[in-house]
Amino acid sequence: MRTNVATRRPAAAKKANGIQYAALPYRVASGRLQVLLVTSRRTRRWIVPKGWPVESMPASACAALEALEEAGVKGEVQKTPIGHYRYVKHHKNRASEPCKVEVYALRVTEQRKSWAEGEERERRWYSPAEAAAVVAEPLLQHLILEFEAQFLASAAP
């Protein structure tokens, strides 16, 4: 069950334009970069936590909120997106719509054992190459691999 649903007010203009915000949760474990993916509730595809804008909330904060609700993780979110991808959002009771998803890197500092959508989703840590192989959207695959390259370049001496 999603938390805060009753108090959330979608930013109607951006929702109407098909804009969503996502987090790319990441960590370094045993010296290796890992990214966290979750399954979608209906189709069980591997995705990044994402959702619609929330009125009066910055985009990066929306992405961090989705990471908490959908993946049970908190951390430090970058204020500028690392990129975007496009996909078609399929709805149960209305027409499908094209969406642009702005993605924000989130360095995970806390992972909860239980979380809002924990009974509806699976979460799993992957190497960037493994994550790119299991997500369906080609632009998201590219974004994950590009994030890895930029992360490694910034960590180089």
N, C-alpha and C. Protein backbone atom coordinates (compact mmCIF):
# COMPACT_ATOMS: atom_id res chain seq x y z
N MET A 1 0.85 -1.18 0.00
CA MET A 1 0.00 0.00 0.00
C MET A 1 0.88 1.23 0.00
N ARG A 2 0.61 2.17 -0.86
CA ARG A 2 1.38 3.41 -0.95
C ARG A 2 1.09 4.30 0.25
N THR A 3 2.13 4.86 0.83
CA THR A 3 1.93 5.83 1.89
C THR A 3 1.76 7.21 1.29
N ASN A 4 1.19 8.10 2.07
CA ASN A 4 1.04 9.49 1.67
C ASN A 4 0.13 9.70 0.46
N VAL A 5 -0.58 8.69 0.02
CA VAL A 5 -1.41 8.86 -1.17
C VAL A 5 -2.48 9.90 -0.94
N ALA A 6 -3.08 9.91 0.24
CA ALA A 6 -4.15 10.85 0.51
C ALA A 6 -3.66 12.29 0.54
N THR A 7 -2.40 12.51 0.95
CA THR A 7 -1.89 13.87 1.06
C THR A 7 -1.16 14.32 -0.19
N ARG A 8 -0.92 13.44 -1.11
CA ARG A 8 -0.23 13.81 -2.34
C ARG A 8 -1.18 14.52 -3.28
N ARG A 9 -0.65 15.57 -3.91
CA ARG A 9 -1.41 16.25 -4.95
C ARG A 9 -0.53 16.29 -6.18
N PRO A 10 -0.87 15.51 -7.20
CA PRO A 10 -0.05 15.51 -8.41
C PRO A 10 0.01 16.89 -9.04
N ALA A 11 1.16 17.21 -9.57
CA ALA A 11 1.31 18.46 -10.33
C ALA A 11 0.63 18.22 -11.67
N ALA A 12 -0.58 18.70 -11.80
CA ALA A 12 -1.44 18.37 -12.93
C ALA A 12 -0.81 18.69 -14.28
N ALA A 13 -0.15 19.82 -14.39
CA ALA A 13 0.42 20.21 -15.69
C ALA A 13 1.48 19.23 -16.14
N LYS A 14 2.35 18.83 -15.24
CA LYS A 14 3.41 17.90 -15.63
C LYS A 14 2.86 16.50 -15.85
N LYS A 15 1.91 16.08 -15.04
CA LYS A 15 1.30 14.77 -15.26
C LYS A 15 0.62 14.75 -16.62
N ALA A 16 -0.04 15.85 -16.96
CA ALA A 16 -0.71 15.93 -18.27
C ALA A 16 0.30 15.84 -19.40
N ASN A 17 1.51 16.29 -19.16
CA ASN A 17 2.55 16.23 -20.18
C ASN A 17 3.33 14.92 -20.14
N GLY A 18 2.96 14.00 -19.28
CA GLY A 18 3.62 12.70 -19.22
C GLY A 18 5.02 12.72 -18.65
N ILE A 19 5.29 13.61 -17.69
CA ILE A 19 6.61 13.67 -17.07
C ILE A 19 6.57 12.92 -15.74
N GLN A 20 7.56 12.04 -15.54
CA GLN A 20 7.72 11.34 -14.27
C GLN A 20 9.14 11.56 -13.77
N TYR A 21 9.34 11.31 -12.48
CA TYR A 21 10.66 11.44 -11.86
C TYR A 21 11.04 10.10 -11.26
N ALA A 22 12.31 9.73 -11.47
CA ALA A 22 12.80 8.44 -10.99
C ALA A 22 14.10 8.60 -10.23
N ALA A 23 14.36 7.63 -9.39
CA ALA A 23 15.64 7.55 -8.69
C ALA A 23 16.43 6.38 -9.26
N LEU A 24 17.73 6.56 -9.35
CA LEU A 24 18.63 5.45 -9.62
C LEU A 24 19.42 5.25 -8.34
N PRO A 25 18.90 4.38 -7.43
CA PRO A 25 19.60 4.14 -6.18
C PRO A 25 20.90 3.37 -6.44
N TYR A 26 21.97 3.79 -5.76
CA TYR A 26 23.25 3.11 -5.95
C TYR A 26 24.03 3.05 -4.64
N ARG A 27 25.01 2.15 -4.61
CA ARG A 27 25.92 2.02 -3.49
C ARG A 27 27.23 1.42 -4.00
N VAL A 28 28.24 1.48 -3.18
CA VAL A 28 29.49 0.79 -3.47
C VAL A 28 29.63 -0.29 -2.41
N ALA A 29 29.68 -1.55 -2.85
CA ALA A 29 29.80 -2.69 -1.94
C ALA A 29 31.01 -3.52 -2.38
N SER A 30 31.88 -3.81 -1.46
CA SER A 30 33.11 -4.56 -1.76
C SER A 30 33.88 -3.90 -2.90
N GLY A 31 33.88 -2.57 -2.93
CA GLY A 31 34.62 -1.83 -3.93
C GLY A 31 33.97 -1.78 -5.30
N ARG A 32 32.75 -2.26 -5.43
CA ARG A 32 32.07 -2.28 -6.74
C ARG A 32 30.76 -1.51 -6.68
N LEU A 33 30.50 -0.78 -7.77
CA LEU A 33 29.27 -0.03 -7.90
C LEU A 33 28.11 -1.00 -8.13
N GLN A 34 27.01 -0.76 -7.40
CA GLN A 34 25.79 -1.53 -7.58
C GLN A 34 24.62 -0.57 -7.69
N VAL A 35 23.60 -0.95 -8.48
CA VAL A 35 22.37 -0.17 -8.58
C VAL A 35 21.20 -1.04 -8.16
N LEU A 36 20.19 -0.39 -7.61
CA LEU A 36 19.02 -1.11 -7.10
C LEU A 36 17.86 -0.96 -8.06
N LEU A 37 17.26 -2.08 -8.43
CA LEU A 37 16.06 -2.08 -9.26
C LEU A 37 14.92 -2.70 -8.46
N VAL A 38 13.70 -2.36 -8.86
CA VAL A 38 12.50 -2.95 -8.27
C VAL A 38 11.64 -3.51 -9.39
N THR A 39 10.72 -4.39 -9.04
CA THR A 39 9.78 -4.89 -10.04
C THR A 39 8.57 -3.98 -10.08
N SER A 40 8.00 -3.86 -11.26
CA SER A 40 6.73 -3.13 -11.37
C SER A 40 5.66 -3.99 -10.72
N ARG A 41 4.60 -3.36 -10.26
CA ARG A 41 3.57 -4.12 -9.54
C ARG A 41 2.78 -5.05 -10.45
N ARG A 42 2.42 -4.58 -11.63
CA ARG A 42 1.54 -5.37 -12.51
C ARG A 42 2.29 -6.37 -13.37
N THR A 43 3.33 -5.92 -14.07
CA THR A 43 3.98 -6.81 -15.04
C THR A 43 5.22 -7.51 -14.50
N ARG A 44 5.70 -7.05 -13.33
CA ARG A 44 6.88 -7.64 -12.66
C ARG A 44 8.17 -7.40 -13.45
N ARG A 45 8.18 -6.40 -14.35
CA ARG A 45 9.42 -6.04 -15.06
C ARG A 45 10.35 -5.33 -14.09
N TRP A 46 11.65 -5.39 -14.36
CA TRP A 46 12.63 -4.66 -13.55
C TRP A 46 12.67 -3.21 -14.02
N ILE A 47 12.53 -2.29 -13.06
CA ILE A 47 12.47 -0.86 -13.34
C ILE A 47 13.22 -0.09 -12.25
N VAL A 48 13.36 1.21 -12.45
CA VAL A 48 13.82 2.09 -11.39
C VAL A 48 12.58 2.65 -10.69
N PRO A 49 12.69 2.98 -9.40
CA PRO A 49 11.54 3.58 -8.71
C PRO A 49 11.19 4.92 -9.36
N LYS A 50 9.93 5.10 -9.73
CA LYS A 50 9.52 6.32 -10.42
C LYS A 50 8.06 6.63 -10.14
N GLY A 51 7.70 7.90 -10.39
CA GLY A 51 6.32 8.28 -10.19
C GLY A 51 6.05 9.68 -10.71
N TRP A 52 4.81 10.11 -10.55
CA TRP A 52 4.37 11.41 -11.04
C TRP A 52 4.87 12.52 -10.14
N PRO A 53 4.98 13.74 -10.67
CA PRO A 53 5.36 14.89 -9.86
C PRO A 53 4.36 15.11 -8.73
N VAL A 54 4.82 15.71 -7.65
CA VAL A 54 3.97 16.09 -6.54
C VAL A 54 4.01 17.61 -6.44
N GLU A 55 2.83 18.22 -6.36
CA GLU A 55 2.73 19.68 -6.31
C GLU A 55 3.61 20.25 -5.20
N SER A 56 4.34 21.30 -5.52
CA SER A 56 5.20 22.02 -4.58
C SER A 56 6.40 21.21 -4.08
N MET A 57 6.76 20.15 -4.76
CA MET A 57 7.91 19.35 -4.36
C MET A 57 8.91 19.34 -5.51
N PRO A 58 10.19 19.64 -5.22
CA PRO A 58 11.19 19.60 -6.29
C PRO A 58 11.29 18.21 -6.91
N ALA A 59 11.69 18.17 -8.16
CA ALA A 59 11.77 16.90 -8.89
C ALA A 59 12.67 15.89 -8.18
N SER A 60 13.82 16.33 -7.69
CA SER A 60 14.74 15.39 -7.02
C SER A 60 14.11 14.83 -5.75
N ALA A 61 13.34 15.64 -5.04
CA ALA A 61 12.67 15.16 -3.83
C ALA A 61 11.59 14.14 -4.19
N CYS A 62 10.89 14.36 -5.31
CA CYS A 62 9.90 13.38 -5.79
C CYS A 62 10.58 12.04 -6.07
N ALA A 63 11.74 12.09 -6.71
CA ALA A 63 12.49 10.86 -7.01
C ALA A 63 12.89 10.15 -5.72
N ALA A 64 13.36 10.91 -4.73
CA ALA A 64 13.76 10.31 -3.46
C ALA A 64 12.56 9.69 -2.75
N LEU A 65 11.40 10.33 -2.83
CA LEU A 65 10.18 9.80 -2.22
C LEU A 65 9.78 8.47 -2.88
N GLU A 66 9.89 8.41 -4.21
CA GLU A 66 9.57 7.16 -4.91
C GLU A 66 10.53 6.04 -4.49
N ALA A 67 11.81 6.36 -4.30
CA ALA A 67 12.78 5.35 -3.86
C ALA A 67 12.40 4.82 -2.49
N LEU A 68 11.95 5.68 -1.61
CA LEU A 68 11.53 5.24 -0.28
C LEU A 68 10.28 4.37 -0.35
N GLU A 69 9.26 4.84 -1.09
CA GLU A 69 8.01 4.10 -1.16
C GLU A 69 8.12 2.78 -1.91
N GLU A 70 8.81 2.79 -3.06
CA GLU A 70 8.85 1.61 -3.92
C GLU A 70 9.99 0.65 -3.61
N ALA A 71 11.11 1.17 -3.07
CA ALA A 71 12.28 0.31 -2.83
C ALA A 71 12.72 0.28 -1.37
N GLY A 72 12.16 1.13 -0.54
CA GLY A 72 12.51 1.13 0.87
C GLY A 72 13.91 1.63 1.16
N VAL A 73 14.40 2.56 0.33
CA VAL A 73 15.74 3.11 0.55
C VAL A 73 15.69 4.63 0.68
N LYS A 74 16.62 5.14 1.48
CA LYS A 74 16.80 6.58 1.65
C LYS A 74 18.25 6.89 1.36
N GLY A 75 18.52 8.15 1.07
CA GLY A 75 19.89 8.53 0.83
C GLY A 75 20.02 9.95 0.35
N GLU A 76 21.17 10.23 -0.24
CA GLU A 76 21.48 11.56 -0.75
C GLU A 76 21.17 11.60 -2.24
N VAL A 77 20.21 12.43 -2.61
CA VAL A 77 19.79 12.51 -4.01
C VAL A 77 20.45 13.72 -4.66
N GLN A 78 20.93 13.54 -5.87
CA GLN A 78 21.50 14.66 -6.63
C GLN A 78 20.37 15.60 -7.04
N LYS A 79 20.67 16.87 -7.08
CA LYS A 79 19.65 17.89 -7.41
C LYS A 79 19.40 18.02 -8.90
N THR A 80 20.33 17.55 -9.72
CA THR A 80 20.14 17.62 -11.17
C THR A 80 20.04 16.21 -11.73
N PRO A 81 19.23 16.03 -12.77
CA PRO A 81 19.06 14.67 -13.31
C PRO A 81 20.33 14.19 -14.01
N ILE A 82 20.53 12.88 -13.97
CA ILE A 82 21.66 12.28 -14.69
C ILE A 82 21.28 11.99 -16.13
N GLY A 83 20.01 12.12 -16.44
CA GLY A 83 19.53 11.88 -17.79
C GLY A 83 18.04 11.59 -17.76
N HIS A 84 17.53 11.14 -18.89
CA HIS A 84 16.12 10.78 -18.97
C HIS A 84 15.95 9.65 -19.98
N TYR A 85 14.80 9.01 -19.91
CA TYR A 85 14.43 8.00 -20.90
C TYR A 85 12.93 8.12 -21.14
N ARG A 86 12.48 7.48 -22.18
CA ARG A 86 11.06 7.50 -22.53
C ARG A 86 10.51 6.08 -22.56
N TYR A 87 9.24 5.96 -22.21
CA TYR A 87 8.56 4.68 -22.29
C TYR A 87 7.07 4.93 -22.44
N VAL A 88 6.32 3.90 -22.69
CA VAL A 88 4.87 4.02 -22.80
C VAL A 88 4.25 3.44 -21.54
N LYS A 89 3.51 4.27 -20.83
CA LYS A 89 2.83 3.87 -19.60
C LYS A 89 1.49 3.25 -19.98
N HIS A 90 1.30 1.99 -19.61
CA HIS A 90 0.05 1.29 -19.89
C HIS A 90 -0.82 1.33 -18.64
N HIS A 91 -2.06 1.75 -18.82
CA HIS A 91 -3.00 1.84 -17.71
C HIS A 91 -4.04 0.73 -17.83
N LYS A 92 -4.59 0.35 -16.70
CA LYS A 92 -5.62 -0.68 -16.69
C LYS A 92 -6.92 -0.21 -17.35
N ASN A 93 -7.36 0.99 -16.98
CA ASN A 93 -8.69 1.43 -17.38
C ASN A 93 -8.73 2.66 -18.27
N ARG A 94 -7.59 3.02 -18.85
CA ARG A 94 -7.59 4.15 -19.79
C ARG A 94 -6.46 3.96 -20.80
N ALA A 95 -6.41 4.85 -21.76
CA ALA A 95 -5.44 4.72 -22.85
C ALA A 95 -4.00 4.82 -22.35
N SER A 96 -3.11 4.14 -23.04
CA SER A 96 -1.68 4.23 -22.75
C SER A 96 -1.19 5.62 -23.10
N GLU A 97 -0.09 6.04 -22.49
CA GLU A 97 0.45 7.36 -22.76
C GLU A 97 1.97 7.34 -22.77
N PRO A 98 2.57 8.14 -23.65
CA PRO A 98 4.03 8.23 -23.65
C PRO A 98 4.50 9.06 -22.45
N CYS A 99 5.59 8.65 -21.83
CA CYS A 99 6.13 9.35 -20.67
C CYS A 99 7.62 9.62 -20.85
N LYS A 100 8.03 10.76 -20.35
CA LYS A 100 9.45 11.10 -20.24
C LYS A 100 9.79 10.98 -18.76
N VAL A 101 10.85 10.24 -18.44
CA VAL A 101 11.24 10.02 -17.06
C VAL A 101 12.60 10.67 -16.83
N GLU A 102 12.65 11.68 -15.95
CA GLU A 102 13.90 12.29 -15.54
C GLU A 102 14.46 11.47 -14.38
N VAL A 103 15.73 11.10 -14.47
CA VAL A 103 16.33 10.19 -13.49
C VAL A 103 17.37 10.93 -12.64
N TYR A 104 17.27 10.73 -11.33
CA TYR A 104 18.16 11.36 -10.36
C TYR A 104 18.92 10.28 -9.60
N ALA A 105 20.25 10.41 -9.54
CA ALA A 105 21.06 9.47 -8.79
C ALA A 105 20.81 9.65 -7.29
N LEU A 106 20.70 8.54 -6.58
CA LEU A 106 20.48 8.57 -5.14
C LEU A 106 21.47 7.62 -4.48
N ARG A 107 22.42 8.19 -3.73
CA ARG A 107 23.38 7.35 -3.01
C ARG A 107 22.69 6.83 -1.75
N VAL A 108 22.51 5.52 -1.68
CA VAL A 108 21.75 4.91 -0.60
C VAL A 108 22.56 4.91 0.70
N THR A 109 21.92 5.42 1.75
CA THR A 109 22.53 5.42 3.08
C THR A 109 21.73 4.57 4.06
N GLU A 110 20.50 4.23 3.68
CA GLU A 110 19.63 3.42 4.56
C GLU A 110 18.75 2.51 3.72
N GLN A 111 18.68 1.24 4.09
CA GLN A 111 17.80 0.29 3.41
C GLN A 111 16.91 -0.35 4.47
N ARG A 112 15.62 -0.15 4.35
CA ARG A 112 14.67 -0.67 5.33
C ARG A 112 14.32 -2.13 5.04
N LYS A 113 14.02 -2.85 6.11
CA LYS A 113 13.60 -4.25 5.96
C LYS A 113 12.16 -4.33 5.51
N SER A 114 11.35 -3.38 5.92
CA SER A 114 9.96 -3.32 5.43
C SER A 114 9.70 -1.88 4.99
N TRP A 115 8.84 -1.74 3.98
CA TRP A 115 8.55 -0.43 3.42
C TRP A 115 7.18 -0.45 2.79
N ALA A 116 6.71 0.72 2.37
CA ALA A 116 5.33 0.91 1.90
C ALA A 116 4.88 -0.13 0.88
N GLU A 117 5.70 -0.39 -0.13
CA GLU A 117 5.29 -1.30 -1.20
C GLU A 117 6.08 -2.61 -1.18
N GLY A 118 6.62 -2.94 -0.03
CA GLY A 118 7.45 -4.13 0.11
C GLY A 118 6.75 -5.44 -0.19
N GLU A 119 5.44 -5.49 0.03
CA GLU A 119 4.71 -6.72 -0.25
C GLU A 119 4.26 -6.80 -1.70
N GLU A 120 4.41 -5.71 -2.44
CA GLU A 120 3.97 -5.66 -3.83
C GLU A 120 5.12 -5.73 -4.83
N ARG A 121 6.35 -5.50 -4.34
CA ARG A 121 7.50 -5.41 -5.24
C ARG A 121 8.67 -6.23 -4.71
N GLU A 122 9.51 -6.63 -5.63
CA GLU A 122 10.78 -7.24 -5.27
C GLU A 122 11.85 -6.19 -5.56
N ARG A 123 12.91 -6.19 -4.77
CA ARG A 123 14.04 -5.29 -5.04
C ARG A 123 15.31 -6.13 -5.08
N ARG A 124 16.26 -5.67 -5.90
CA ARG A 124 17.50 -6.44 -6.04
C ARG A 124 18.64 -5.51 -6.46
N TRP A 125 19.80 -5.72 -5.84
CA TRP A 125 21.02 -5.00 -6.22
C TRP A 125 21.68 -5.71 -7.39
N TYR A 126 22.11 -4.93 -8.37
CA TYR A 126 22.77 -5.45 -9.57
C TYR A 126 24.03 -4.65 -9.85
N SER A 127 24.97 -5.28 -10.55
CA SER A 127 26.04 -4.50 -11.15
C SER A 127 25.38 -3.68 -12.25
N PRO A 128 25.97 -2.55 -12.65
CA PRO A 128 25.34 -1.78 -13.73
C PRO A 128 25.13 -2.60 -15.02
N ALA A 129 26.08 -3.45 -15.36
CA ALA A 129 25.92 -4.27 -16.57
C ALA A 129 24.74 -5.23 -16.44
N GLU A 130 24.60 -5.85 -15.26
CA GLU A 130 23.46 -6.76 -15.04
C GLU A 130 22.14 -5.98 -15.07
N ALA A 131 22.12 -4.81 -14.44
CA ALA A 131 20.91 -3.99 -14.41
C ALA A 131 20.50 -3.59 -15.83
N ALA A 132 21.47 -3.17 -16.62
CA ALA A 132 21.17 -2.78 -18.00
C ALA A 132 20.62 -3.96 -18.80
N ALA A 133 21.07 -5.16 -18.47
CA ALA A 133 20.61 -6.35 -19.19
C ALA A 133 19.17 -6.74 -18.84
N VAL A 134 18.70 -6.38 -17.63
CA VAL A 134 17.36 -6.83 -17.23
C VAL A 134 16.27 -5.78 -17.41
N VAL A 135 16.63 -4.50 -17.58
CA VAL A 135 15.58 -3.50 -17.84
C VAL A 135 15.21 -3.53 -19.31
N ALA A 136 13.96 -3.24 -19.60
CA ALA A 136 13.46 -3.38 -20.97
C ALA A 136 13.71 -2.15 -21.84
N GLU A 137 13.75 -0.97 -21.25
CA GLU A 137 13.83 0.26 -22.02
C GLU A 137 15.27 0.52 -22.47
N PRO A 138 15.54 0.56 -23.78
CA PRO A 138 16.90 0.77 -24.28
C PRO A 138 17.56 2.06 -23.77
N LEU A 139 16.80 3.14 -23.66
CA LEU A 139 17.38 4.38 -23.17
C LEU A 139 17.73 4.30 -21.69
N LEU A 140 16.98 3.54 -20.91
CA LEU A 140 17.32 3.32 -19.51
C LEU A 140 18.57 2.45 -19.41
N GLN A 141 18.69 1.46 -20.27
CA GLN A 141 19.90 0.64 -20.30
C GLN A 141 21.13 1.53 -20.51
N HIS A 142 21.03 2.40 -21.51
CA HIS A 142 22.13 3.30 -21.83
C HIS A 142 22.43 4.24 -20.66
N LEU A 143 21.39 4.77 -20.03
CA LEU A 143 21.56 5.69 -18.92
C LEU A 143 22.30 5.02 -17.76
N ILE A 144 21.96 3.78 -17.45
CA ILE A 144 22.62 3.05 -16.36
C ILE A 144 24.10 2.86 -16.67
N LEU A 145 24.42 2.46 -17.90
CA LEU A 145 25.82 2.25 -18.27
C LEU A 145 26.59 3.56 -18.32
N GLU A 146 25.93 4.62 -18.75
CA GLU A 146 26.56 5.94 -18.78
C GLU A 146 26.83 6.43 -17.35
N PHE A 147 25.89 6.18 -16.44
CA PHE A 147 26.09 6.54 -15.04
C PHE A 147 27.31 5.82 -14.48
N GLU A 148 27.44 4.54 -14.79
CA GLU A 148 28.61 3.79 -14.32
C GLU A 148 29.90 4.42 -14.83
N ALA A 149 29.95 4.74 -16.11
CA ALA A 149 31.16 5.32 -16.70
C ALA A 149 31.51 6.65 -16.03
N GLN A 150 30.51 7.49 -15.80
CA GLN A 150 30.75 8.78 -15.16
C GLN A 150 31.16 8.60 -13.69
N PHE A 151 30.56 7.64 -13.02
CA PHE A 151 30.90 7.37 -11.62
C PHE A 151 32.35 6.90 -11.52
N LEU A 152 32.73 5.96 -12.39
CA LEU A 152 34.09 5.45 -12.36
C LEU A 152 35.10 6.53 -12.74
N ALA A 153 34.75 7.38 -13.70
CA ALA A 153 35.66 8.47 -14.10
C ALA A 153 35.87 9.46 -12.95
N SER A 154 34.80 9.73 -12.21
CA SER A 154 34.92 10.69 -11.09
C SER A 154 35.67 10.08 -9.91
N ALA A 155 35.70 8.76 -9.81
CA ALA A 155 36.39 8.08 -8.71
C ALA A 155 37.86 7.81 -9.03
N ALA A 156 38.24 7.96 -10.32
CA ALA A 156 39.63 7.68 -10.74
C ALA A 156 40.56 8.73 -10.13
N PRO A 157 41.79 8.31 -9.79
CA PRO A 157 42.74 9.24 -9.17
C PRO A 157 43.19 10.34 -10.11
